[in-house]
Amino acid sequence: MNEDSVLVSLANPPVHKPANDERRFPVPLADIEDWVLIDSAGVMEGGFTHVALAHAYKRDKGFVPHAMHKELAAFKDLDLSGI
């Protein structure tokens, strides 16, 4: 990571196809809207959309499924107090 971009590997297809087919490529920081970082120990950071989805599920269904709670628990930096 530098002041303008970060070298990434994507777990799912990007919205816009990268300029080349490299497995890792730089992305401008200004283009990143949501992110998840998984370190070598499997600890995750980011994933803020996951919490928003859980809140919406709870609002609409009245509960958050166990599997969703389990997935969210892997994130070390999310505030799960309202879920």
PDB file of N, CA and C in Angstrom:
ATOM      1  N   MET A   1       0.846  -1.172   0.000  1.00  0.00           N
ATOM      2  CA  MET A   1       0.000   0.000   0.000  1.00  0.00           C
ATOM      3  C   MET A   1       0.892   1.236   0.000  1.00  0.00           C
ATOM      4  N   ASN A   2       0.499   2.214  -0.781  1.00  0.00           N
ATOM      5  CA  ASN A   2       1.192   3.492  -0.741  1.00  0.00           C
ATOM      6  C   ASN A   2       0.149   4.598  -0.616  1.00  0.00           C
ATOM      7  N   GLU A   3       0.538   5.835  -0.794  1.00  0.00           N
ATOM      8  CA  GLU A   3      -0.398   6.936  -0.554  1.00  0.00           C
ATOM      9  C   GLU A   3      -1.524   7.015  -1.585  1.00  0.00           C
ATOM     10  N   ASP A   4      -1.377   6.338  -2.729  1.00  0.00           N
ATOM     11  CA  ASP A   4      -2.378   6.428  -3.790  1.00  0.00           C
ATOM     12  C   ASP A   4      -3.105   5.134  -4.112  1.00  0.00           C
ATOM     13  N   SER A   5      -2.479   3.990  -3.817  1.00  0.00           N
ATOM     14  CA  SER A   5      -3.080   2.720  -4.240  1.00  0.00           C
ATOM     15  C   SER A   5      -2.682   1.583  -3.299  1.00  0.00           C
ATOM     16  N   VAL A   6      -3.326   0.450  -3.526  1.00  0.00           N
ATOM     17  CA  VAL A   6      -3.018  -0.743  -2.751  1.00  0.00           C
ATOM     18  C   VAL A   6      -2.959  -1.926  -3.718  1.00  0.00           C
ATOM     19  N   LEU A   7      -2.026  -2.839  -3.477  1.00  0.00           N
ATOM     20  CA  LEU A   7      -1.898  -4.042  -4.284  1.00  0.00           C
ATOM     21  C   LEU A   7      -2.898  -5.060  -3.753  1.00  0.00           C
ATOM     22  N   VAL A   8      -3.800  -5.545  -4.605  1.00  0.00           N
ATOM     23  CA  VAL A   8      -4.892  -6.396  -4.143  1.00  0.00           C
ATOM     24  C   VAL A   8      -4.927  -7.739  -4.854  1.00  0.00           C
ATOM     25  N   SER A   9      -5.568  -8.693  -4.197  1.00  0.00           N
ATOM     26  CA  SER A   9      -6.016  -9.951  -4.784  1.00  0.00           C
ATOM     27  C   SER A   9      -7.504 -10.003  -4.487  1.00  0.00           C
ATOM     28  N   LEU A  10      -8.307 -10.298  -5.470  1.00  0.00           N
ATOM     29  CA  LEU A  10      -9.751 -10.289  -5.278  1.00  0.00           C
ATOM     30  C   LEU A  10     -10.302 -11.693  -5.084  1.00  0.00           C
ATOM     31  N   ALA A  11     -11.248 -11.821  -4.164  1.00  0.00           N
ATOM     32  CA  ALA A  11     -11.895 -13.101  -3.917  1.00  0.00           C
ATOM     33  C   ALA A  11     -13.084 -13.307  -4.846  1.00  0.00           C
ATOM     34  N   ASN A  12     -13.605 -12.227  -5.400  1.00  0.00           N
ATOM     35  CA  ASN A  12     -14.717 -12.320  -6.338  1.00  0.00           C
ATOM     36  C   ASN A  12     -14.466 -11.354  -7.486  1.00  0.00           C
ATOM     37  N   PRO A  13     -15.193 -11.495  -8.584  1.00  0.00           N
ATOM     38  CA  PRO A  13     -14.923 -10.649  -9.749  1.00  0.00           C
ATOM     39  C   PRO A  13     -15.131  -9.168  -9.448  1.00  0.00           C
ATOM     40  N   PRO A  14     -14.254  -8.311  -9.961  1.00  0.00           N
ATOM     41  CA  PRO A  14     -14.413  -6.875  -9.748  1.00  0.00           C
ATOM     42  C   PRO A  14     -15.549  -6.319 -10.604  1.00  0.00           C
ATOM     43  N   VAL A  15     -16.060  -5.163 -10.224  1.00  0.00           N
ATOM     44  CA  VAL A  15     -17.098  -4.501 -11.012  1.00  0.00           C
ATOM     45  C   VAL A  15     -16.548  -4.146 -12.389  1.00  0.00           C
ATOM     46  N   HIS A  16     -15.323  -3.642 -12.418  1.00  0.00           N
ATOM     47  CA  HIS A  16     -14.670  -3.296 -13.677  1.00  0.00           C
ATOM     48  C   HIS A  16     -13.477  -4.211 -13.877  1.00  0.00           C
ATOM     49  N   LYS A  17     -13.355  -4.772 -15.067  1.00  0.00           N
ATOM     50  CA  LYS A  17     -12.248  -5.690 -15.363  1.00  0.00           C
ATOM     51  C   LYS A  17     -10.918  -4.939 -15.282  1.00  0.00           C
ATOM     52  N   PRO A  18      -9.928  -5.516 -14.575  1.00  0.00           N
ATOM     53  CA  PRO A  18      -8.602  -4.890 -14.507  1.00  0.00           C
ATOM     54  C   PRO A  18      -7.973  -4.802 -15.903  1.00  0.00           C
ATOM     55  N   ALA A  19      -7.006  -3.917 -16.047  1.00  0.00           N
ATOM     56  CA  ALA A  19      -6.345  -3.707 -17.335  1.00  0.00           C
ATOM     57  C   ALA A  19      -5.598  -4.946 -17.811  1.00  0.00           C
ATOM     58  N   ASN A  20      -5.188  -5.812 -16.871  1.00  0.00           N
ATOM     59  CA  ASN A  20      -4.488  -7.034 -17.265  1.00  0.00           C
ATOM     60  C   ASN A  20      -5.074  -8.213 -16.480  1.00  0.00           C
ATOM     61  N   ASP A  21      -4.590  -9.396 -16.777  1.00  0.00           N
ATOM     62  CA  ASP A  21      -5.106 -10.597 -16.124  1.00  0.00           C
ATOM     63  C   ASP A  21      -4.218 -11.072 -14.979  1.00  0.00           C
ATOM     64  N   GLU A  22      -3.413 -10.185 -14.426  1.00  0.00           N
ATOM     65  CA  GLU A  22      -2.558 -10.549 -13.300  1.00  0.00           C
ATOM     66  C   GLU A  22      -3.403 -10.921 -12.092  1.00  0.00           C
ATOM     67  N   ARG A  23      -2.912 -11.840 -11.280  1.00  0.00           N
ATOM     68  CA  ARG A  23      -3.619 -12.260 -10.070  1.00  0.00           C
ATOM     69  C   ARG A  23      -3.653 -11.144  -9.025  1.00  0.00           C
ATOM     70  N   ARG A  24      -2.590 -10.380  -8.934  1.00  0.00           N
ATOM     71  CA  ARG A  24      -2.515  -9.239  -8.002  1.00  0.00           C
ATOM     72  C   ARG A  24      -2.262  -7.986  -8.833  1.00  0.00           C
ATOM     73  N   PHE A  25      -2.941  -6.915  -8.478  1.00  0.00           N
ATOM     74  CA  PHE A  25      -2.791  -5.695  -9.246  1.00  0.00           C
ATOM     75  C   PHE A  25      -3.116  -4.491  -8.364  1.00  0.00           C
ATOM     76  N   PRO A  26      -2.582  -3.327  -8.704  1.00  0.00           N
ATOM     77  CA  PRO A  26      -2.850  -2.134  -7.899  1.00  0.00           C
ATOM     78  C   PRO A  26      -4.235  -1.564  -8.196  1.00  0.00           C
ATOM     79  N   VAL A  27      -4.871  -1.041  -7.152  1.00  0.00           N
ATOM     80  CA  VAL A  27      -6.160  -0.366  -7.277  1.00  0.00           C
ATOM     81  C   VAL A  27      -6.027   0.982  -6.577  1.00  0.00           C
ATOM     82  N   PRO A  28      -6.459   2.066  -7.230  1.00  0.00           N
ATOM     83  CA  PRO A  28      -6.414   3.367  -6.569  1.00  0.00           C
ATOM     84  C   PRO A  28      -7.289   3.363  -5.308  1.00  0.00           C
ATOM     85  N   LEU A  29      -6.785   3.940  -4.231  1.00  0.00           N
ATOM     86  CA  LEU A  29      -7.547   3.990  -2.980  1.00  0.00           C
ATOM     87  C   LEU A  29      -8.908   4.646  -3.171  1.00  0.00           C
ATOM     88  N   ALA A  30      -8.978   5.638  -4.037  1.00  0.00           N
ATOM     89  CA  ALA A  30     -10.238   6.348  -4.272  1.00  0.00           C
ATOM     90  C   ALA A  30     -11.304   5.446  -4.897  1.00  0.00           C
ATOM     91  N   ASP A  31     -10.901   4.325  -5.500  1.00  0.00           N
ATOM     92  CA  ASP A  31     -11.851   3.412  -6.143  1.00  0.00           C
ATOM     93  C   ASP A  31     -12.390   2.338  -5.200  1.00  0.00           C
ATOM     94  N   ILE A  32     -11.853   2.228  -4.003  1.00  0.00           N
ATOM     95  CA  ILE A  32     -12.260   1.174  -3.076  1.00  0.00           C
ATOM     96  C   ILE A  32     -13.442   1.656  -2.248  1.00  0.00           C
ATOM     97  N   GLU A  33     -14.565   0.922  -2.352  1.00  0.00           N
ATOM     98  CA  GLU A  33     -15.776   1.291  -1.632  1.00  0.00           C
ATOM     99  C   GLU A  33     -15.993   0.430  -0.397  1.00  0.00           C
ATOM    100  N   ASP A  34     -15.717  -0.829  -0.480  1.00  0.00           N
ATOM    101  CA  ASP A  34     -15.854  -1.750   0.640  1.00  0.00           C
ATOM    102  C   ASP A  34     -14.728  -2.756   0.502  1.00  0.00           C
ATOM    103  N   TRP A  35     -14.266  -3.267   1.623  1.00  0.00           N
ATOM    104  CA  TRP A  35     -13.102  -4.134   1.559  1.00  0.00           C
ATOM    105  C   TRP A  35     -13.129  -5.131   2.710  1.00  0.00           C
ATOM    106  N   VAL A  36     -12.401  -6.218   2.501  1.00  0.00           N
ATOM    107  CA  VAL A  36     -12.149  -7.221   3.534  1.00  0.00           C
ATOM    108  C   VAL A  36     -10.690  -7.621   3.387  1.00  0.00           C
ATOM    109  N   LEU A  37      -9.976  -7.565   4.485  1.00  0.00           N
ATOM    110  CA  LEU A  37      -8.583  -7.993   4.520  1.00  0.00           C
ATOM    111  C   LEU A  37      -8.523  -9.246   5.375  1.00  0.00           C
ATOM    112  N   ILE A  38      -7.962 -10.311   4.831  1.00  0.00           N
ATOM    113  CA  ILE A  38      -7.804 -11.571   5.556  1.00  0.00           C
ATOM    114  C   ILE A  38      -6.314 -11.831   5.681  1.00  0.00           C
ATOM    115  N   ASP A  39      -5.827 -11.894   6.939  1.00  0.00           N
ATOM    116  CA  ASP A  39      -4.391 -12.126   7.118  1.00  0.00           C
ATOM    117  C   ASP A  39      -4.081 -13.620   7.077  1.00  0.00           C
ATOM    118  N   SER A  40      -2.819 -13.959   7.200  1.00  0.00           N
ATOM    119  CA  SER A  40      -2.390 -15.359   7.074  1.00  0.00           C
ATOM    120  C   SER A  40      -2.948 -16.258   8.176  1.00  0.00           C
ATOM    121  N   ALA A  41      -3.403 -15.669   9.287  1.00  0.00           N
ATOM    122  CA  ALA A  41      -4.013 -16.453  10.371  1.00  0.00           C
ATOM    123  C   ALA A  41      -5.529 -16.568  10.205  1.00  0.00           C
ATOM    124  N   GLY A  42      -6.072 -15.959   9.140  1.00  0.00           N
ATOM    125  CA  GLY A  42      -7.514 -16.020   8.896  1.00  0.00           C
ATOM    126  C   GLY A  42      -8.312 -14.938   9.605  1.00  0.00           C
ATOM    127  N   VAL A  43      -7.625 -14.012  10.277  1.00  0.00           N
ATOM    128  CA  VAL A  43      -8.305 -12.898  10.950  1.00  0.00           C
ATOM    129  C   VAL A  43      -8.718 -11.884   9.886  1.00  0.00           C
ATOM    130  N   MET A  44      -9.972 -11.420   9.983  1.00  0.00           N
ATOM    131  CA  MET A  44     -10.495 -10.507   8.977  1.00  0.00           C
ATOM    132  C   MET A  44     -10.720  -9.115   9.554  1.00  0.00           C
ATOM    133  N   GLU A  45     -10.501  -8.128   8.718  1.00  0.00           N
ATOM    134  CA  GLU A  45     -10.801  -6.728   9.032  1.00  0.00           C
ATOM    135  C   GLU A  45     -11.622  -6.170   7.879  1.00  0.00           C
ATOM    136  N   GLY A  46     -12.363  -5.117   8.163  1.00  0.00           N
ATOM    137  CA  GLY A  46     -13.201  -4.502   7.134  1.00  0.00           C
ATOM    138  C   GLY A  46     -14.567  -5.158   7.130  1.00  0.00           C
ATOM    139  N   GLY A  47     -15.131  -5.377   5.949  1.00  0.00           N
ATOM    140  CA  GLY A  47     -16.403  -6.063   5.829  1.00  0.00           C
ATOM    141  C   GLY A  47     -17.583  -5.284   6.374  1.00  0.00           C
ATOM    142  N   PHE A  48     -17.539  -3.988   6.290  1.00  0.00           N
ATOM    143  CA  PHE A  48     -18.570  -3.153   6.895  1.00  0.00           C
ATOM    144  C   PHE A  48     -19.949  -3.393   6.267  1.00  0.00           C
ATOM    145  N   THR A  49     -19.979  -3.781   5.010  1.00  0.00           N
ATOM    146  CA  THR A  49     -21.245  -4.109   4.365  1.00  0.00           C
ATOM    147  C   THR A  49     -21.883  -5.332   5.019  1.00  0.00           C
ATOM    148  N   HIS A  50     -21.065  -6.254   5.528  1.00  0.00           N
ATOM    149  CA  HIS A  50     -21.604  -7.430   6.210  1.00  0.00           C
ATOM    150  C   HIS A  50     -22.472  -7.025   7.404  1.00  0.00           C
ATOM    151  N   VAL A  51     -22.014  -6.037   8.165  1.00  0.00           N
ATOM    152  CA  VAL A  51     -22.787  -5.576   9.324  1.00  0.00           C
ATOM    153  C   VAL A  51     -24.070  -4.898   8.860  1.00  0.00           C
ATOM    154  N   ALA A  52     -23.993  -4.099   7.824  1.00  0.00           N
ATOM    155  CA  ALA A  52     -25.190  -3.435   7.299  1.00  0.00           C
ATOM    156  C   ALA A  52     -26.215  -4.467   6.843  1.00  0.00           C
ATOM    157  N   LEU A  53     -25.764  -5.529   6.198  1.00  0.00           N
ATOM    158  CA  LEU A  53     -26.678  -6.591   5.768  1.00  0.00           C
ATOM    159  C   LEU A  53     -27.302  -7.302   6.960  1.00  0.00           C
ATOM    160  N   ALA A  54     -26.516  -7.539   8.006  1.00  0.00           N
ATOM    161  CA  ALA A  54     -27.050  -8.184   9.208  1.00  0.00           C
ATOM    162  C   ALA A  54     -28.112  -7.310   9.874  1.00  0.00           C
ATOM    163  N   HIS A  55     -27.853  -6.006   9.951  1.00  0.00           N
ATOM    164  CA  HIS A  55     -28.848  -5.087  10.529  1.00  0.00           C
ATOM    165  C   HIS A  55     -30.134  -5.088   9.701  1.00  0.00           C
ATOM    166  N   ALA A  56     -30.010  -5.084   8.381  1.00  0.00           N
ATOM    167  CA  ALA A  56     -31.187  -5.114   7.513  1.00  0.00           C
ATOM    168  C   ALA A  56     -31.946  -6.423   7.684  1.00  0.00           C
ATOM    169  N   TYR A  57     -31.230  -7.527   7.808  1.00  0.00           N
ATOM    170  CA  TYR A  57     -31.882  -8.821   8.006  1.00  0.00           C
ATOM    171  C   TYR A  57     -32.639  -8.829   9.332  1.00  0.00           C
ATOM    172  N   LYS A  58     -31.998  -8.309  10.371  1.00  0.00           N
ATOM    173  CA  LYS A  58     -32.639  -8.261  11.683  1.00  0.00           C
ATOM    174  C   LYS A  58     -33.879  -7.363  11.643  1.00  0.00           C
ATOM    175  N   ARG A  59     -33.768  -6.228  10.977  1.00  0.00           N
ATOM    176  CA  ARG A  59     -34.910  -5.319  10.851  1.00  0.00           C
ATOM    177  C   ARG A  59     -36.071  -6.001  10.119  1.00  0.00           C
ATOM    178  N   ASP A  60     -35.775  -6.707   9.043  1.00  0.00           N
ATOM    179  CA  ASP A  60     -36.819  -7.296   8.207  1.00  0.00           C
ATOM    180  C   ASP A  60     -37.353  -8.620   8.736  1.00  0.00           C
ATOM    181  N   LYS A  61     -36.497  -9.423   9.360  1.00  0.00           N
ATOM    182  CA  LYS A  61     -36.891 -10.775   9.804  1.00  0.00           C
ATOM    183  C   LYS A  61     -37.005 -10.906  11.313  1.00  0.00           C
ATOM    184  N   GLY A  62     -36.428  -9.939  12.049  1.00  0.00           N
ATOM    185  CA  GLY A  62     -36.502  -9.991  13.504  1.00  0.00           C
ATOM    186  C   GLY A  62     -35.365 -10.741  14.171  1.00  0.00           C
ATOM    187  N   PHE A  63     -34.464 -11.286  13.388  1.00  0.00           N
ATOM    188  CA  PHE A  63     -33.332 -12.033  13.947  1.00  0.00           C
ATOM    189  C   PHE A  63     -32.211 -12.087  12.918  1.00  0.00           C
ATOM    190  N   VAL A  64     -31.041 -12.480  13.368  1.00  0.00           N
ATOM    191  CA  VAL A  64     -29.895 -12.698  12.481  1.00  0.00           C
ATOM    192  C   VAL A  64     -29.570 -14.189  12.541  1.00  0.00           C
ATOM    193  N   PRO A  65     -29.515 -14.868  11.406  1.00  0.00           N
ATOM    194  CA  PRO A  65     -29.236 -16.307  11.406  1.00  0.00           C
ATOM    195  C   PRO A  65     -27.895 -16.643  12.057  1.00  0.00           C
ATOM    196  N   HIS A  66     -27.843 -17.818  12.652  1.00  0.00           N
ATOM    197  CA  HIS A  66     -26.629 -18.288  13.321  1.00  0.00           C
ATOM    198  C   HIS A  66     -25.424 -18.257  12.376  1.00  0.00           C
ATOM    199  N   ALA A  67     -25.608 -18.680  11.144  1.00  0.00           N
ATOM    200  CA  ALA A  67     -24.487 -18.716  10.195  1.00  0.00           C
ATOM    201  C   ALA A  67     -23.946 -17.312   9.932  1.00  0.00           C
ATOM    202  N   MET A  68     -24.831 -16.314   9.909  1.00  0.00           N
ATOM    203  CA  MET A  68     -24.386 -14.940   9.695  1.00  0.00           C
ATOM    204  C   MET A  68     -23.614 -14.435  10.912  1.00  0.00           C
ATOM    205  N   HIS A  69     -24.097 -14.770  12.126  1.00  0.00           N
ATOM    206  CA  HIS A  69     -23.367 -14.408  13.348  1.00  0.00           C
ATOM    207  C   HIS A  69     -21.971 -15.035  13.340  1.00  0.00           C
ATOM    208  N   LYS A  70     -21.905 -16.292  12.939  1.00  0.00           N
ATOM    209  CA  LYS A  70     -20.621 -17.000  12.913  1.00  0.00           C
ATOM    210  C   LYS A  70     -19.658 -16.334  11.926  1.00  0.00           C
ATOM    211  N   GLU A  71     -20.155 -15.946  10.761  1.00  0.00           N
ATOM    212  CA  GLU A  71     -19.314 -15.266   9.781  1.00  0.00           C
ATOM    213  C   GLU A  71     -18.830 -13.922  10.313  1.00  0.00           C
ATOM    214  N   LEU A  72     -19.717 -13.164  10.924  1.00  0.00           N
ATOM    215  CA  LEU A  72     -19.358 -11.851  11.461  1.00  0.00           C
ATOM    216  C   LEU A  72     -18.345 -11.951  12.599  1.00  0.00           C
ATOM    217  N   ALA A  73     -18.387 -13.030  13.365  1.00  0.00           N
ATOM    218  CA  ALA A  73     -17.478 -13.204  14.494  1.00  0.00           C
ATOM    219  C   ALA A  73     -16.019 -13.300  14.051  1.00  0.00           C
ATOM    220  N   ALA A  74     -15.778 -13.636  12.795  1.00  0.00           N
ATOM    221  CA  ALA A  74     -14.408 -13.742  12.291  1.00  0.00           C
ATOM    222  C   ALA A  74     -13.765 -12.374  12.070  1.00  0.00           C
ATOM    223  N   PHE A  75     -14.582 -11.319  12.029  1.00  0.00           N
ATOM    224  CA  PHE A  75     -14.056  -9.974  11.840  1.00  0.00           C
ATOM    225  C   PHE A  75     -13.632  -9.413  13.184  1.00  0.00           C
ATOM    226  N   LYS A  76     -12.399  -8.920  13.271  1.00  0.00           N
ATOM    227  CA  LYS A  76     -11.912  -8.449  14.551  1.00  0.00           C
ATOM    228  C   LYS A  76     -12.275  -7.005  14.848  1.00  0.00           C
ATOM    229  N   ASP A  77     -12.735  -6.251  13.850  1.00  0.00           N
ATOM    230  CA  ASP A  77     -12.943  -4.821  14.055  1.00  0.00           C
ATOM    231  C   ASP A  77     -14.389  -4.350  13.884  1.00  0.00           C
ATOM    232  N   LEU A  78     -15.348  -5.264  13.833  1.00  0.00           N
ATOM    233  CA  LEU A  78     -16.736  -4.865  13.638  1.00  0.00           C
ATOM    234  C   LEU A  78     -17.447  -4.692  14.971  1.00  0.00           C
ATOM    235  N   ASP A  79     -18.322  -3.702  15.039  1.00  0.00           N
ATOM    236  CA  ASP A  79     -19.158  -3.498  16.218  1.00  0.00           C
ATOM    237  C   ASP A  79     -20.440  -4.308  16.023  1.00  0.00           C
ATOM    238  N   LEU A  80     -20.551  -5.406  16.722  1.00  0.00           N
ATOM    239  CA  LEU A  80     -21.691  -6.301  16.564  1.00  0.00           C
ATOM    240  C   LEU A  80     -22.707  -6.136  17.700  1.00  0.00           C
ATOM    241  N   SER A  81     -22.573  -5.076  18.469  1.00  0.00           N
ATOM    242  CA  SER A  81     -23.416  -4.897  19.650  1.00  0.00           C
ATOM    243  C   SER A  81     -24.905  -4.762  19.316  1.00  0.00           C
ATOM    244  N   GLY A  82     -25.251  -4.256  18.170  1.00  0.00           N
ATOM    245  CA  GLY A  82     -26.651  -4.069  17.829  1.00  0.00           C
ATOM    246  C   GLY A  82     -27.269  -5.225  17.071  1.00  0.00           C
ATOM    247  N   ILE A  83     -26.538  -6.284  16.947  1.00  0.00           N
ATOM    248  CA  ILE A  83     -27.031  -7.418  16.155  1.00  0.00           C
ATOM    249  C   ILE A  83     -27.382  -8.581  17.054  1.00  0.00           C
TER     250      ILE A  83
END
